[in-house]
Amino acid sequence: MFLLGTFYFFASFLIFTCISVIFSKNPVNSVLFLVLAFLNSTFLFILIGAEFVGIILAIVYIGAVAILFFICGDDVGYSNYYLNVQY
C-alpha cells in the first residue's frame, strides 16, 4: 500500500512538472522544471525496480542535457534578457 501511494505521488508530481515545463514563460524555470521531471522519472524507475535505468537517466539527461542548456543559454544572451526585464 505504501509503494502504491508513493508511486501515485511521484506520478502526479511528474505530470505537474511536465505541464509546468510546457507552460512556463521563463526558459530557465522551464529547464528547472525539466530537471524535476527527470528526477521524478528517476524515482519512478527506482521504485519499480529498474535502478540501473533510473541512474543512467539521471546521469545522462540531468548531467548533460540540462547543464548544456544552462551553458548555451548563457552564451545566447538569456542572462542579459532577464536582467533587463521591467516589472
Protein backbone atom coordinates (compact mmCIF):
# COMPACT_ATOMS: atom_id res chain seq x y z
CA MET A 1 0.00 0.00 0.00
CA PHE A 2 2.88 2.36 0.81
CA LEU A 3 4.56 1.67 -2.55
CA LEU A 4 1.34 2.31 -4.43
CA GLY A 5 0.84 5.65 -2.65
CA THR A 6 4.45 6.62 -3.30
CA PHE A 7 4.08 5.69 -6.97
CA TYR A 8 0.93 7.81 -7.31
CA PHE A 9 2.62 10.73 -5.56
CA PHE A 10 5.64 10.71 -7.87
CA ALA A 11 3.47 10.12 -10.95
CA SER A 12 1.17 13.05 -10.15
CA PHE A 13 4.15 15.28 -9.38
CA LEU A 14 5.70 14.19 -12.71
CA ILE A 15 2.55 15.24 -14.55
CA PHE A 16 2.60 18.60 -12.75
CA THR A 17 6.25 19.26 -13.61
CA CYS A 18 5.72 18.28 -17.27
CA ILE A 19 2.81 20.69 -17.56
CA SER A 20 4.95 23.37 -15.89
CA VAL A 21 7.72 22.78 -18.45
CA ILE A 22 5.29 23.38 -21.29
CA PHE A 23 3.54 26.45 -19.90
CA SER A 24 6.47 28.23 -18.25
CA LYS A 25 7.31 31.54 -19.93
CA ASN A 26 10.80 31.75 -18.48
CA PRO A 27 13.21 29.28 -20.17
CA VAL A 28 15.34 28.96 -17.04
CA ASN A 29 12.30 27.99 -14.97
CA SER A 30 11.30 25.60 -17.71
CA VAL A 31 14.66 23.85 -17.51
CA LEU A 32 14.42 23.65 -13.73
CA PHE A 33 11.01 22.03 -14.06
CA LEU A 34 12.52 19.70 -16.65
CA VAL A 35 15.21 18.68 -14.17
CA LEU A 36 12.47 17.99 -11.61
CA ALA A 37 10.64 15.89 -14.20
CA PHE A 38 13.82 13.89 -14.85
CA LEU A 39 14.30 13.37 -11.12
CA ASN A 40 10.71 12.22 -10.71
CA SER A 41 11.05 9.74 -13.55
CA THR A 42 14.30 8.53 -11.98
CA PHE A 43 12.48 7.93 -8.69
CA LEU A 44 9.71 6.10 -10.53
CA PHE A 45 12.21 3.81 -12.27
CA ILE A 46 13.93 3.10 -8.95
CA LEU A 47 10.56 2.44 -7.34
CA ILE A 48 9.60 -0.21 -9.91
CA GLY A 49 12.97 -1.95 -9.59
CA ALA A 50 14.87 -0.63 -12.61
CA GLU A 51 17.66 1.07 -10.66
CA PHE A 52 20.18 1.00 -13.50
CA VAL A 53 17.82 2.71 -15.93
CA GLY A 54 16.94 5.34 -13.32
CA ILE A 55 20.54 6.18 -12.51
CA ILE A 56 21.51 6.30 -16.19
CA LEU A 57 18.55 8.60 -16.85
CA ALA A 58 19.70 10.92 -14.08
CA ILE A 59 23.32 10.97 -15.21
CA VAL A 60 22.68 11.38 -18.94
CA TYR A 61 19.74 13.76 -19.02
CA ILE A 62 20.32 15.86 -15.93
CA GLY A 63 24.08 15.81 -16.26
CA ALA A 64 24.23 16.52 -19.97
CA VAL A 65 21.08 17.98 -21.45
CA ALA A 66 20.00 20.34 -18.66
CA ILE A 67 23.52 21.58 -17.87
CA LEU A 68 24.14 22.09 -21.60
CA PHE A 69 21.07 24.32 -21.77
CA PHE A 70 22.35 26.43 -18.88
CA ILE A 71 25.74 26.85 -20.56
CA CYS A 72 24.28 27.61 -24.00
CA GLY A 73 21.56 29.82 -22.53
CA ASP A 74 24.24 31.99 -21.03
CA ASP A 75 26.00 32.24 -24.39
CA VAL A 76 22.97 33.29 -26.40
CA GLY A 77 22.02 36.07 -24.04
CA TYR A 78 19.24 34.73 -21.81
CA SER A 79 21.01 36.20 -18.80
CA ASN A 80 21.05 39.70 -20.32
CA TYR A 81 17.40 39.38 -21.26
CA TYR A 82 16.36 38.62 -17.69
CA LEU A 83 18.45 41.39 -16.21
CA ASN A 84 16.54 43.98 -18.28
CA VAL A 85 13.00 42.80 -17.50
CA GLN A 86 10.72 45.59 -16.31
CA TYR A 87 8.20 44.66 -13.65
